[in-house]
Amino acid sequence: VQLQASGGGLVQPGGSLRLSCAASGRTSSIDRLGWFRQAPGKERAFVASFRWSGAVTTYADSVKVRFTISRNNAENSVYLQMNSLKPEDTAVYFCAAYDPARARYDYWGQGTLVTVSS
């Protein structure tokens, strides 16, 4: 499975950005796509996920209400709409695909940098 992430950039506090993640290859082996982020000097942390079965979405407490993950069925991809961005949202954001057979996020895309600053 290959993942292509895009959409990062510089935005002012309170602004919005939308990240995209497109999956290709053996997508039948995955059952969800997720977003993680890693801020400078911190460990990578879960942000949100979208599970195909039941269209189940999950969010980290720090982004609930402000971020929305959705799926583009036609392209087997997900979007992460980020609103009311805060400086503490600054991080490299990574898209990942979950393999239920291995019970883990087994595939990772390249990161995309999101900078929230005035």
C-alpha atoms as a PDB file:
ATOM      1  CA  VAL A   1       0.000   0.000   0.000  1.00  0.00           C
ATOM      2  CA  GLN A   2       1.310   3.408  -0.955  1.00  0.00           C
ATOM      3  CA  LEU A   3       0.110   6.621   0.643  1.00  0.00           C
ATOM      4  CA  GLN A   4       0.350  10.111  -0.774  1.00  0.00           C
ATOM      5  CA  ALA A   5      -0.299  12.982   1.588  1.00  0.00           C
ATOM      6  CA  SER A   6      -0.682  16.635   0.674  1.00  0.00           C
ATOM      7  CA  GLY A   7      -2.127  19.925   1.833  1.00  0.00           C
ATOM      8  CA  GLY A   8       0.199  21.242   4.511  1.00  0.00           C
ATOM      9  CA  GLY A   9       1.342  24.836   4.733  1.00  0.00           C
ATOM     10  CA  LEU A  10       1.502  27.989   6.796  1.00  0.00           C
ATOM     11  CA  VAL A  11      -1.682  29.353   8.326  1.00  0.00           C
ATOM     12  CA  GLN A  12      -2.492  31.984  10.931  1.00  0.00           C
ATOM     13  CA  PRO A  13      -4.034  31.043  14.274  1.00  0.00           C
ATOM     14  CA  GLY A  14      -7.766  30.550  13.860  1.00  0.00           C
ATOM     15  CA  GLY A  15      -7.368  29.600  10.219  1.00  0.00           C
ATOM     16  CA  SER A  16      -8.129  26.383   8.348  1.00  0.00           C
ATOM     17  CA  LEU A  17      -6.311  23.824   6.243  1.00  0.00           C
ATOM     18  CA  ARG A  18      -7.343  20.594   4.576  1.00  0.00           C
ATOM     19  CA  LEU A  19      -4.996  17.640   4.302  1.00  0.00           C
ATOM     20  CA  SER A  20      -5.501  14.829   1.806  1.00  0.00           C
ATOM     21  CA  CYS A  21      -4.251  11.258   1.857  1.00  0.00           C
ATOM     22  CA  ALA A  22      -4.665   8.945  -1.117  1.00  0.00           C
ATOM     23  CA  ALA A  23      -4.070   5.199  -0.828  1.00  0.00           C
ATOM     24  CA  SER A  24      -3.068   2.974  -3.740  1.00  0.00           C
ATOM     25  CA  GLY A  25      -1.839  -0.562  -4.264  1.00  0.00           C
ATOM     26  CA  ARG A  26      -3.273  -3.419  -2.155  1.00  0.00           C
ATOM     27  CA  THR A  27      -5.911  -1.289  -0.502  1.00  0.00           C
ATOM     28  CA  SER A  28      -8.041  -4.381   0.131  1.00  0.00           C
ATOM     29  CA  SER A  29      -5.602  -5.228   2.931  1.00  0.00           C
ATOM     30  CA  ILE A  30      -6.403  -2.136   4.978  1.00  0.00           C
ATOM     31  CA  ASP A  31      -9.553  -1.163   6.817  1.00  0.00           C
ATOM     32  CA  ARG A  32      -8.863   2.425   7.827  1.00  0.00           C
ATOM     33  CA  LEU A  33      -6.721   5.456   7.223  1.00  0.00           C
ATOM     34  CA  GLY A  34      -5.465   7.646   9.983  1.00  0.00           C
ATOM     35  CA  TRP A  35      -3.551  10.832  10.633  1.00  0.00           C
ATOM     36  CA  PHE A  36      -0.761  11.221  13.124  1.00  0.00           C
ATOM     37  CA  ARG A  37       1.396  14.232  13.905  1.00  0.00           C
ATOM     38  CA  GLN A  38       4.797  14.877  15.352  1.00  0.00           C
ATOM     39  CA  ALA A  39       5.686  18.239  16.816  1.00  0.00           C
ATOM     40  CA  PRO A  40       9.313  19.294  17.316  1.00  0.00           C
ATOM     41  CA  GLY A  41      10.826  17.459  20.254  1.00  0.00           C
ATOM     42  CA  LYS A  42       7.737  15.316  20.797  1.00  0.00           C
ATOM     43  CA  GLU A  43       6.686  11.789  19.944  1.00  0.00           C
ATOM     44  CA  ARG A  44       4.343  10.991  17.106  1.00  0.00           C
ATOM     45  CA  ALA A  45       0.725  11.157  18.274  1.00  0.00           C
ATOM     46  CA  PHE A  46      -2.596   9.966  16.929  1.00  0.00           C
ATOM     47  CA  VAL A  47      -4.887  12.644  15.497  1.00  0.00           C
ATOM     48  CA  ALA A  48      -7.834  10.974  13.766  1.00  0.00           C
ATOM     49  CA  SER A  49      -8.897   7.902  11.815  1.00  0.00           C
ATOM     50  CA  PHE A  50     -11.632   6.775   9.457  1.00  0.00           C
ATOM     51  CA  ARG A  51     -12.599   3.100   9.389  1.00  0.00           C
ATOM     52  CA  TRP A  52     -14.310   1.927   6.230  1.00  0.00           C
ATOM     53  CA  SER A  53     -16.717  -0.477   7.954  1.00  0.00           C
ATOM     54  CA  GLY A  54     -19.455   1.571   9.493  1.00  0.00           C
ATOM     55  CA  ALA A  55     -17.696   4.820   8.562  1.00  0.00           C
ATOM     56  CA  VAL A  56     -16.351   5.015  12.106  1.00  0.00           C
ATOM     57  CA  THR A  57     -14.352   8.118  12.937  1.00  0.00           C
ATOM     58  CA  THR A  58     -12.081   8.522  15.937  1.00  0.00           C
ATOM     59  CA  TYR A  59     -10.363  11.670  17.187  1.00  0.00           C
ATOM     60  CA  ALA A  60      -7.779  12.662  19.731  1.00  0.00           C
ATOM     61  CA  ASP A  61      -9.313  14.779  22.486  1.00  0.00           C
ATOM     62  CA  SER A  62      -7.118  17.724  21.516  1.00  0.00           C
ATOM     63  CA  VAL A  63      -8.689  18.021  18.051  1.00  0.00           C
ATOM     64  CA  LYS A  64     -12.298  16.986  18.636  1.00  0.00           C
ATOM     65  CA  VAL A  65     -14.791  19.533  17.299  1.00  0.00           C
ATOM     66  CA  ARG A  66     -12.061  21.417  15.406  1.00  0.00           C
ATOM     67  CA  PHE A  67     -10.935  18.649  13.017  1.00  0.00           C
ATOM     68  CA  THR A  68     -13.068  16.465  10.767  1.00  0.00           C
ATOM     69  CA  ILE A  69     -11.908  13.359   8.902  1.00  0.00           C
ATOM     70  CA  SER A  70     -13.918  12.179   5.921  1.00  0.00           C
ATOM     71  CA  ARG A  71     -13.581   9.692   3.108  1.00  0.00           C
ATOM     72  CA  ASN A  72     -13.631  10.103  -0.643  1.00  0.00           C
ATOM     73  CA  ASN A  73     -14.961   6.695  -1.675  1.00  0.00           C
ATOM     74  CA  ALA A  74     -14.275   7.193  -5.342  1.00  0.00           C
ATOM     75  CA  GLU A  75     -10.567   7.635  -4.778  1.00  0.00           C
ATOM     76  CA  ASN A  76     -10.004   5.534  -1.647  1.00  0.00           C
ATOM     77  CA  SER A  77      -8.685   8.558   0.150  1.00  0.00           C
ATOM     78  CA  VAL A  78      -9.407  10.631   3.214  1.00  0.00           C
ATOM     79  CA  TYR A  79      -9.412  14.294   4.041  1.00  0.00           C
ATOM     80  CA  LEU A  80      -8.603  15.981   7.309  1.00  0.00           C
ATOM     81  CA  GLN A  81     -10.346  19.322   7.587  1.00  0.00           C
ATOM     82  CA  MET A  82      -8.632  21.365  10.275  1.00  0.00           C
ATOM     83  CA  ASN A  83     -10.417  24.442  11.581  1.00  0.00           C
ATOM     84  CA  SER A  84      -9.686  26.907  14.373  1.00  0.00           C
ATOM     85  CA  LEU A  85      -6.026  26.013  14.165  1.00  0.00           C
ATOM     86  CA  LYS A  86      -3.782  26.801  17.117  1.00  0.00           C
ATOM     87  CA  PRO A  87      -0.005  27.231  17.322  1.00  0.00           C
ATOM     88  CA  GLU A  88       0.145  23.931  19.214  1.00  0.00           C
ATOM     89  CA  ASP A  89      -1.213  22.188  16.105  1.00  0.00           C
ATOM     90  CA  THR A  90       2.102  22.922  14.406  1.00  0.00           C
ATOM     91  CA  ALA A  91       3.634  19.587  13.450  1.00  0.00           C
ATOM     92  CA  VAL A  92       4.516  17.258  10.643  1.00  0.00           C
ATOM     93  CA  TYR A  93       1.349  15.332   9.819  1.00  0.00           C
ATOM     94  CA  PHE A  94       1.572  11.733   8.614  1.00  0.00           C
ATOM     95  CA  CYS A  95      -1.024   9.617   6.904  1.00  0.00           C
ATOM     96  CA  ALA A  96      -1.094   5.927   7.834  1.00  0.00           C
ATOM     97  CA  ALA A  97      -3.022   2.811   6.804  1.00  0.00           C
ATOM     98  CA  TYR A  98      -4.199   0.154   9.261  1.00  0.00           C
ATOM     99  CA  ASP A  99      -3.768  -3.515   8.465  1.00  0.00           C
ATOM    100  CA  PRO A 100      -6.314  -5.513  10.526  1.00  0.00           C
ATOM    101  CA  ALA A 101      -4.386  -8.747   9.937  1.00  0.00           C
ATOM    102  CA  ARG A 102      -1.417  -7.251  11.773  1.00  0.00           C
ATOM    103  CA  ALA A 103      -3.528  -5.081  14.083  1.00  0.00           C
ATOM    104  CA  ARG A 104      -1.414  -2.029  13.516  1.00  0.00           C
ATOM    105  CA  TYR A 105      -0.773   0.924  11.263  1.00  0.00           C
ATOM    106  CA  ASP A 106       1.599  -0.780   8.873  1.00  0.00           C
ATOM    107  CA  TYR A 107       1.919   1.692   6.056  1.00  0.00           C
ATOM    108  CA  TRP A 108       3.018   5.300   6.279  1.00  0.00           C
ATOM    109  CA  GLY A 109       3.095   8.183   3.874  1.00  0.00           C
ATOM    110  CA  GLN A 110       5.560  11.007   3.796  1.00  0.00           C
ATOM    111  CA  GLY A 111       4.867  13.796   6.221  1.00  0.00           C
ATOM    112  CA  THR A 112       3.382  17.142   5.385  1.00  0.00           C
ATOM    113  CA  LEU A 113       4.281  20.165   7.483  1.00  0.00           C
ATOM    114  CA  VAL A 114       1.570  22.286   9.059  1.00  0.00           C
ATOM    115  CA  THR A 115       2.734  25.535  10.644  1.00  0.00           C
ATOM    116  CA  VAL A 116       0.315  27.691  12.614  1.00  0.00           C
ATOM    117  CA  SER A 117       1.856  31.075  13.245  1.00  0.00           C
ATOM    118  CA  SER A 118       1.111  34.761  12.948  1.00  0.00           C
END
